[in-house]
PDB file of N, CA and C in Angstrom:
ATOM      1  N   MET A   1     148.179  55.113 -75.675  1.00  0.00           N
ATOM      2  CA  MET A   1     147.870  55.743 -77.098  1.00  0.00           C
ATOM      3  C   MET A   1     146.548  54.956 -77.273  1.00  0.00           C
ATOM      4  N   ARG A   2     145.896  54.027 -77.238  1.00  0.00           N
ATOM      5  CA  ARG A   2     144.879  53.474 -77.510  1.00  0.00           C
ATOM      6  C   ARG A   2     143.705  53.538 -76.517  1.00  0.00           C
ATOM      7  N   MET A   3     144.655  53.771 -75.853  1.00  0.00           N
ATOM      8  CA  MET A   3     143.064  54.037 -74.325  1.00  0.00           C
ATOM      9  C   MET A   3     143.152  56.000 -74.507  1.00  0.00           C
ATOM     10  N   ALA A   4     143.550  56.688 -74.868  1.00  0.00           N
ATOM     11  CA  ALA A   4     143.267  57.590 -75.279  1.00  0.00           C
ATOM     12  C   ALA A   4     142.410  58.474 -76.365  1.00  0.00           C
ATOM     13  N   LEU A   5     142.640  57.052 -77.191  1.00  0.00           N
ATOM     14  CA  LEU A   5     141.438  57.389 -78.152  1.00  0.00           C
ATOM     15  C   LEU A   5     140.301  56.726 -78.134  1.00  0.00           C
ATOM     16  N   GLU A   6     140.089  55.451 -77.143  1.00  0.00           N
ATOM     17  CA  GLU A   6     139.076  55.258 -76.382  1.00  0.00           C
ATOM     18  C   GLU A   6     138.502  55.984 -75.046  1.00  0.00           C
ATOM     19  N   THR A   7     138.459  56.500 -75.434  1.00  0.00           N
ATOM     20  CA  THR A   7     138.257  57.407 -74.030  1.00  0.00           C
ATOM     21  C   THR A   7     137.908  58.938 -74.327  1.00  0.00           C
ATOM     22  N   LYS A   8     138.246  59.202 -75.957  1.00  0.00           N
ATOM     23  CA  LYS A   8     137.463  60.497 -76.719  1.00  0.00           C
ATOM     24  C   LYS A   8     135.886  60.865 -76.185  1.00  0.00           C
ATOM     25  N   PRO A   9     135.329  61.565 -75.694  1.00  0.00           N
ATOM     26  CA  PRO A   9     134.024  61.862 -75.971  1.00  0.00           C
ATOM     27  C   PRO A   9     133.536  61.587 -78.178  1.00  0.00           C
ATOM     28  N   GLN A  10     132.948  61.120 -77.838  1.00  0.00           N
ATOM     29  CA  GLN A  10     132.063  60.998 -79.321  1.00  0.00           C
ATOM     30  C   GLN A  10     131.854  62.769 -79.839  1.00  0.00           C
ATOM     31  N   THR A  11     132.060  63.167 -81.463  1.00  0.00           N
ATOM     32  CA  THR A  11     131.449  64.148 -81.808  1.00  0.00           C
ATOM     33  C   THR A  11     130.264  64.017 -83.191  1.00  0.00           C
ATOM     34  N   THR A  12     130.133  65.112 -83.246  1.00  0.00           N
ATOM     35  CA  THR A  12     129.132  65.001 -84.460  1.00  0.00           C
ATOM     36  C   THR A  12     129.930  64.959 -85.496  1.00  0.00           C
ATOM     37  N   PRO A  13     129.790  64.100 -86.795  1.00  0.00           N
ATOM     38  CA  PRO A  13     130.703  64.174 -87.840  1.00  0.00           C
ATOM     39  C   PRO A  13     129.965  64.914 -88.427  1.00  0.00           C
ATOM     40  N   TYR A  14     131.214  66.197 -89.397  1.00  0.00           N
ATOM     41  CA  TYR A  14     130.982  67.015 -90.168  1.00  0.00           C
ATOM     42  C   TYR A  14     130.274  66.879 -91.397  1.00  0.00           C
ATOM     43  N   THR A  15     129.415  67.504 -91.417  1.00  0.00           N
ATOM     44  CA  THR A  15     128.754  66.834 -93.050  1.00  0.00           C
ATOM     45  C   THR A  15     128.895  67.600 -93.992  1.00  0.00           C
ATOM     46  N   HIS A  16     128.825  67.723 -95.418  1.00  0.00           N
ATOM     47  CA  HIS A  16     129.625  69.135 -96.195  1.00  0.00           C
ATOM     48  C   HIS A  16     128.092  68.287 -97.178  1.00  0.00           C
ATOM     49  N   ARG A  17     127.912  69.295 -98.346  1.00  0.00           N
ATOM     50  CA  ARG A  17     126.638  69.608 -99.217  1.00  0.00           C
ATOM     51  C   ARG A  17     126.783  70.853 -99.772  1.00  0.00           C
ATOM     52  N   GLN A  18     127.253  70.570-101.718  1.00  0.00           N
ATOM     53  CA  GLN A  18     127.380  71.351-102.824  1.00  0.00           C
ATOM     54  C   GLN A  18     126.237  72.618-102.643  1.00  0.00           C
ATOM     55  N   ALA A  19     127.326  73.844-102.527  1.00  0.00           N
ATOM     56  CA  ALA A  19     126.790  75.126-102.567  1.00  0.00           C
ATOM     57  C   ALA A  19     125.054  74.837-104.038  1.00  0.00           C
ATOM     58  N   THR A  20     124.389  75.842-103.835  1.00  0.00           N
ATOM     59  CA  THR A  20     123.069  76.023-104.724  1.00  0.00           C
ATOM     60  C   THR A  20     122.928  77.271-105.153  1.00  0.00           C
ATOM     61  N   ALA A  21     122.886  77.943-105.989  1.00  0.00           N
ATOM     62  CA  ALA A  21     122.224  79.154-106.381  1.00  0.00           C
ATOM     63  C   ALA A  21     121.638  79.583-105.329  1.00  0.00           C
ATOM     64  N   ALA A  22     120.355  79.227-104.147  1.00  0.00           N
ATOM     65  CA  ALA A  22     120.583  79.573-103.336  1.00  0.00           C
ATOM     66  C   ALA A  22     121.040  80.088-102.042  1.00  0.00           C
ATOM     67  N   ASP A  23     122.257  79.378-102.388  1.00  0.00           N
ATOM     68  CA  ASP A  23     123.307  79.835-101.277  1.00  0.00           C
ATOM     69  C   ASP A  23     124.069  80.935-102.134  1.00  0.00           C
ATOM     70  N   ALA A  24     123.425  81.118-103.140  1.00  0.00           N
ATOM     71  CA  ALA A  24     124.401  83.408-103.368  1.00  0.00           C
ATOM     72  C   ALA A  24     124.774  83.773-102.566  1.00  0.00           C
ATOM     73  N   ALA A  25     123.482  84.265-101.632  1.00  0.00           N
ATOM     74  CA  ALA A  25     122.983  86.094-101.183  1.00  0.00           C
ATOM     75  C   ALA A  25     124.095  85.221 -99.495  1.00  0.00           C
ATOM     76  N   GLU A  26     124.142  84.125 -99.080  1.00  0.00           N
ATOM     77  CA  GLU A  26     124.926  83.979 -98.004  1.00  0.00           C
ATOM     78  C   GLU A  26     126.715  83.786 -98.724  1.00  0.00           C
ATOM     79  N   ILE A  27     126.967  83.296 -99.439  1.00  0.00           N
ATOM     80  CA  ILE A  27     128.501  83.080 -99.525  1.00  0.00           C
ATOM     81  C   ILE A  27     128.999  83.912-100.137  1.00  0.00           C
ATOM     82  N   ALA A  28     128.005  85.231-100.726  1.00  0.00           N
ATOM     83  CA  ALA A  28     128.793  86.697-101.182  1.00  0.00           C
ATOM     84  C   ALA A  28     130.064  86.942-100.439  1.00  0.00           C
ATOM     85  N   PRO A  29     128.813  87.724 -98.961  1.00  0.00           N
ATOM     86  CA  PRO A  29     129.761  88.032 -98.486  1.00  0.00           C
ATOM     87  C   PRO A  29     131.152  87.604 -97.967  1.00  0.00           C
ATOM     88  N   LEU A  30     131.475  86.522 -98.006  1.00  0.00           N
ATOM     89  CA  LEU A  30     132.750  85.099 -97.575  1.00  0.00           C
ATOM     90  C   LEU A  30     133.767  85.645 -99.119  1.00  0.00           C
ATOM     91  N   TRP A  31     132.732  85.873-100.138  1.00  0.00           N
ATOM     92  CA  TRP A  31     133.589  86.280-101.152  1.00  0.00           C
ATOM     93  C   TRP A  31     134.618  87.354-101.065  1.00  0.00           C
ATOM     94  N   VAL A  32     132.993  88.372-100.730  1.00  0.00           N
ATOM     95  CA  VAL A  32     133.769  89.924-100.856  1.00  0.00           C
ATOM     96  C   VAL A  32     135.374  90.198 -99.867  1.00  0.00           C
ATOM     97  N   ALA A  33     134.655  89.870 -98.752  1.00  0.00           N
ATOM     98  CA  ALA A  33     135.540  89.786 -97.533  1.00  0.00           C
ATOM     99  C   ALA A  33     137.436  88.772 -98.523  1.00  0.00           C
ATOM    100  N   PHE A  34     137.182  87.757 -98.513  1.00  0.00           N
ATOM    101  CA  PHE A  34     138.500  87.395 -99.135  1.00  0.00           C
ATOM    102  C   PHE A  34     138.522  87.923-100.310  1.00  0.00           C
ATOM    103  N   ALA A  35     138.107  88.081-101.111  1.00  0.00           N
ATOM    104  CA  ALA A  35     138.556  89.560-102.329  1.00  0.00           C
ATOM    105  C   ALA A  35     139.732  90.835-101.947  1.00  0.00           C
ATOM    106  N   GLN A  36     138.857  91.572-101.417  1.00  0.00           N
ATOM    107  CA  GLN A  36     139.656  92.738-100.509  1.00  0.00           C
ATOM    108  C   GLN A  36     140.827  91.684 -99.696  1.00  0.00           C
ATOM    109  N   GLU A  37     140.570  91.204 -98.778  1.00  0.00           N
ATOM    110  CA  GLU A  37     141.791  90.623 -98.153  1.00  0.00           C
ATOM    111  C   GLU A  37     142.909  90.460 -98.731  1.00  0.00           C
ATOM    112  N   ARG A  38     142.454  89.819-100.280  1.00  0.00           N
ATOM    113  CA  ARG A  38     143.494  89.400-101.414  1.00  0.00           C
ATOM    114  C   ARG A  38     143.962  90.151-101.939  1.00  0.00           C
ATOM    115  N   THR A  39     143.302  91.504-102.374  1.00  0.00           N
ATOM    116  CA  THR A  39     143.569  92.306-102.707  1.00  0.00           C
ATOM    117  C   THR A  39     144.437  93.966-102.230  1.00  0.00           C
ATOM    118  N   ALA A  40     144.748  93.554-101.111  1.00  0.00           N
ATOM    119  CA  ALA A  40     145.838  94.922-100.041  1.00  0.00           C
ATOM    120  C   ALA A  40     146.832  93.452-100.135  1.00  0.00           C
ATOM    121  N   ALA A  41     146.716  92.309-100.169  1.00  0.00           N
ATOM    122  CA  ALA A  41     147.725  91.043-100.011  1.00  0.00           C
ATOM    123  C   ALA A  41     148.600  91.280-101.453  1.00  0.00           C
ATOM    124  N   ASP A  42     148.135  91.615-102.373  1.00  0.00           N
ATOM    125  CA  ASP A  42     148.585  91.252-103.621  1.00  0.00           C
ATOM    126  C   ASP A  42     148.023  92.039-104.597  1.00  0.00           C
ATOM    127  N   PRO A  43     149.433  93.548-104.462  1.00  0.00           N
ATOM    128  CA  PRO A  43     148.257  94.861-105.233  1.00  0.00           C
ATOM    129  C   PRO A  43     148.250  94.654-107.062  1.00  0.00           C
ATOM    130  N   SER A  44     148.668  93.471-107.180  1.00  0.00           N
ATOM    131  CA  SER A  44     148.681  92.590-108.520  1.00  0.00           C
ATOM    132  C   SER A  44     147.351  92.477-108.765  1.00  0.00           C
ATOM    133  N   MET A  45     145.882  92.385-108.524  1.00  0.00           N
ATOM    134  CA  MET A  45     144.614  91.780-108.058  1.00  0.00           C
ATOM    135  C   MET A  45     143.809  93.030-108.076  1.00  0.00           C
ATOM    136  N   ARG A  46     143.456  93.136-108.910  1.00  0.00           N
ATOM    137  CA  ARG A  46     141.943  94.260-108.613  1.00  0.00           C
ATOM    138  C   ARG A  46     140.853  94.202-108.687  1.00  0.00           C
ATOM    139  N   LEU A  47     140.373  94.673-108.389  1.00  0.00           N
ATOM    140  CA  LEU A  47     138.507  94.062-107.997  1.00  0.00           C
ATOM    141  C   LEU A  47     138.169  95.309-108.511  1.00  0.00           C
ATOM    142  N   GLN A  48     137.103  94.505-109.519  1.00  0.00           N
ATOM    143  CA  GLN A  48     136.399  95.646-110.924  1.00  0.00           C
ATOM    144  C   GLN A  48     135.214  96.151-109.268  1.00  0.00           C
ATOM    145  N   GLY A  49     135.134  97.444-109.857  1.00  0.00           N
ATOM    146  CA  GLY A  49     133.974  98.235-108.847  1.00  0.00           C
ATOM    147  C   GLY A  49     132.659  97.632-109.286  1.00  0.00           C
ATOM    148  N   ASN A  50     132.304  97.220-109.835  1.00  0.00           N
ATOM    149  CA  ASN A  50     131.079  96.514-110.289  1.00  0.00           C
ATOM    150  C   ASN A  50     130.283  95.041-110.371  1.00  0.00           C
ATOM    151  N   PHE A  51     131.416  94.473-109.856  1.00  0.00           N
ATOM    152  CA  PHE A  51     131.175  93.082-109.652  1.00  0.00           C
ATOM    153  C   PHE A  51     130.328  92.534-108.440  1.00  0.00           C
ATOM    154  N   ASP A  52     129.339  91.387-109.422  1.00  0.00           N
ATOM    155  CA  ASP A  52     128.674  90.773-108.553  1.00  0.00           C
ATOM    156  C   ASP A  52     129.110  89.529-108.123  1.00  0.00           C
ATOM    157  N   PHE A  53     129.418  89.555-106.933  1.00  0.00           N
ATOM    158  CA  PHE A  53     129.416  88.779-106.015  1.00  0.00           C
ATOM    159  C   PHE A  53     128.039  87.748-106.234  1.00  0.00           C
ATOM    160  N   VAL A  54     127.242  88.276-106.094  1.00  0.00           N
ATOM    161  CA  VAL A  54     126.374  87.150-105.770  1.00  0.00           C
ATOM    162  C   VAL A  54     125.769  86.050-107.146  1.00  0.00           C
ATOM    163  N   GLN A  55     125.768  86.893-108.177  1.00  0.00           N
ATOM    164  CA  GLN A  55     125.626  86.521-109.365  1.00  0.00           C
ATOM    165  C   GLN A  55     126.999  85.001-109.570  1.00  0.00           C
TER     166      GLN A  55
END
């Protein structure tokens, strides 16, 4: 087991940061897709037609 770990190639570590208001336009499509899928799976969840995912 130790040998397998020692020979594993190094990868770039994952980095993350907190989203800012400037990221809203890029994140909004992800929220829209999630909300649509969630609505399809859970009929008790309803989306408002005028909901602004960017704001």
